[in-house]
Protein backbone atom coordinates (compact mmCIF):
# COMPACT_ATOMS: atom_id res chain seq x y z
CA UNK A 1 0.10 -0.02 0.13
CA UNK A 2 1.27 3.42 -0.73
CA UNK A 3 1.30 6.09 1.55
CA UNK A 4 1.13 9.79 0.83
CA UNK A 5 2.38 12.39 2.87
CA UNK A 6 2.97 16.11 2.82
CA UNK A 7 6.73 16.15 3.72
CA UNK A 8 10.30 16.65 2.42
CA UNK A 9 11.99 13.32 2.18
CA UNK A 10 15.52 12.64 3.45
CA UNK A 11 18.27 13.74 1.10
CA UNK A 12 19.60 10.12 0.31
CA UNK A 13 15.88 9.09 -0.74
CA UNK A 14 15.46 12.20 -2.79
CA UNK A 15 18.79 11.31 -4.67
CA UNK A 16 17.92 7.54 -5.27
CA UNK A 17 14.36 8.60 -6.48
CA UNK A 18 15.62 11.25 -8.93
CA UNK A 19 18.52 8.94 -10.16
CA UNK A 20 16.21 6.28 -10.63
CA UNK A 21 14.21 8.35 -13.34
CA UNK A 22 17.44 9.77 -14.89
CA UNK A 23 17.10 13.26 -13.72
CA UNK A 24 20.94 13.54 -13.20
CA UNK A 25 20.75 17.29 -13.71
CA UNK A 26 19.29 17.57 -10.30
CA UNK A 27 21.68 14.86 -8.67
CA UNK A 28 24.72 16.45 -10.02
CA UNK A 29 24.21 19.31 -7.57
CA UNK A 30 23.03 18.23 -4.56
CA UNK A 31 22.91 21.63 -2.72
CA UNK A 32 20.78 22.82 -5.23
CA UNK A 33 18.32 19.85 -5.02
CA UNK A 34 18.11 20.42 -1.34
CA UNK A 35 17.52 24.18 -1.65
CA UNK A 36 14.96 23.80 -4.31
CA UNK A 37 13.15 21.14 -2.61
CA UNK A 38 13.15 22.75 1.03
CA UNK A 39 12.02 26.26 -0.68
CA UNK A 40 9.17 24.72 -2.67
CA UNK A 41 5.63 25.52 -1.38
CA UNK A 42 4.82 22.02 -0.76
CA UNK A 43 6.28 18.55 -1.39
CA UNK A 44 4.07 15.67 -1.68
CA UNK A 45 5.80 12.41 -1.02
CA UNK A 46 4.79 8.77 -2.07
CA UNK A 47 6.17 5.76 0.03
CA UNK A 48 6.21 2.04 -0.14
CA UNK A 49 6.66 1.22 3.45
CA UNK A 50 9.75 3.19 4.22
CA UNK A 51 11.03 3.56 0.45
CA UNK A 52 10.38 6.90 -1.31
CA UNK A 53 8.75 5.85 -4.66
CA UNK A 54 7.25 9.06 -5.60
CA UNK A 55 7.13 12.92 -5.50
CA UNK A 56 5.19 15.95 -6.53
CA UNK A 57 7.13 19.41 -6.07
CA UNK A 58 4.93 22.41 -6.14
CA UNK A 59 5.39 26.27 -6.43
CA UNK A 60 2.46 28.55 -6.00
CA UNK A 61 1.30 31.89 -4.83
CA UNK A 62 -1.69 30.28 -3.22
CA UNK A 63 -4.23 32.22 -4.96
CA UNK A 64 -4.04 32.44 -8.64
CA UNK A 65 -1.19 30.23 -9.98
CA UNK A 66 0.28 26.69 -9.39
CA UNK A 67 3.33 25.50 -11.07
CA UNK A 68 3.83 21.65 -10.60
CA UNK A 69 7.41 21.42 -10.77
CA UNK A 70 8.45 17.81 -10.34
CA UNK A 71 6.26 14.56 -10.76
CA UNK A 72 8.44 11.72 -10.34
CA UNK A 73 7.61 7.76 -9.89
CA UNK A 74 10.18 4.94 -9.46
CA UNK A 75 10.24 3.08 -12.70
CA UNK A 76 9.61 -0.21 -10.72
CA UNK A 77 6.25 1.25 -9.67
CA UNK A 78 5.22 3.28 -12.71
CA UNK A 79 1.81 2.73 -14.34
CA UNK A 80 0.33 1.81 -10.96
CA UNK A 81 -1.57 5.24 -10.44
CA UNK A 82 0.86 6.66 -8.24
CA UNK A 83 1.56 9.58 -10.48
CA UNK A 84 -1.97 9.98 -10.89
CA UNK A 85 -2.68 10.02 -7.12
CA UNK A 86 -0.04 12.50 -6.53
CA UNK A 87 -1.40 14.87 -9.00
CA UNK A 88 -5.11 14.28 -7.84
CA UNK A 89 -3.99 15.13 -4.29
CA UNK A 90 -2.22 18.14 -5.44
CA UNK A 91 -5.06 19.25 -7.29
CA UNK A 92 -7.49 18.62 -4.46
CA UNK A 93 -5.17 20.46 -1.96
CA UNK A 94 -5.16 23.68 -4.18
CA UNK A 95 -8.51 23.34 -5.58
CA UNK A 96 -9.41 26.95 -5.70
CA UNK A 97 -6.15 27.87 -7.57
CA UNK A 98 -7.63 28.41 -11.07
CA UNK A 99 -4.24 27.98 -13.16
CA UNK A 100 -2.14 24.58 -12.81
CA UNK A 101 0.57 24.75 -15.09
CA UNK A 102 3.57 22.29 -15.87
CA UNK A 103 6.49 22.04 -18.19
CA UNK A 104 7.40 18.59 -19.44
CA UNK A 105 8.88 16.46 -22.37
CA UNK A 106 7.04 16.43 -25.66
CA UNK A 107 6.70 12.94 -26.11
CA UNK A 108 3.42 10.92 -26.84
CA UNK A 109 3.61 9.02 -23.56
CA UNK A 110 4.13 12.27 -21.54
CA UNK A 111 1.09 13.89 -23.15
CA UNK A 112 -1.18 11.16 -22.69
CA UNK A 113 -0.27 10.59 -19.09
CA UNK A 114 -1.04 14.58 -18.46
CA UNK A 115 -4.27 14.71 -20.36
CA UNK A 116 -5.44 11.43 -18.71
CA UNK A 117 -5.33 13.26 -15.22
CA UNK A 118 -6.98 16.54 -16.66
CA UNK A 119 -4.12 18.87 -18.13
CA UNK A 120 -4.48 20.14 -21.60
CA UNK A 121 -2.00 21.25 -23.98
CA UNK A 122 -1.58 25.08 -24.14
CA UNK A 123 -2.27 25.22 -27.92
CA UNK A 124 -5.83 23.81 -27.38
CA UNK A 125 -6.56 27.19 -25.78
CA UNK A 126 -4.80 29.24 -28.45
CA UNK A 127 -1.85 29.98 -25.99
CA UNK A 128 1.82 29.59 -26.09
CA UNK A 129 4.59 28.92 -23.71
CA UNK A 130 7.83 30.48 -23.70
CA UNK A 131 11.21 29.46 -21.93
CA UNK A 132 14.28 31.51 -21.38
CA UNK A 133 17.43 29.63 -20.45
């Protein structure tokens, strides 16, 4: 049974989860990962027993916009509803916020997943997103 908790996981657990999904840009700079996680508005963690198996990291002004920064599920447990539950719980916790946005990879698998949990591509509304590096 997966348990969901609004808490920041231990660094070792965070690193293991981020590494498991191949997000090494985060794990190559551990002080930055720790800072980003601690300064997020909220972190929803999913545990299978004592093992961190999923995470949602949220940034929001708690009034008009919520940015879903990270959604991770350990590869061994993907396609079991953990990601959907993380997103559902985040959206429920912040249901009064009108705009919930995220940026993600442009793959069919990713598009299908986010559309299955109620997100729509910006292009469906005549919007466009911009990015500055």
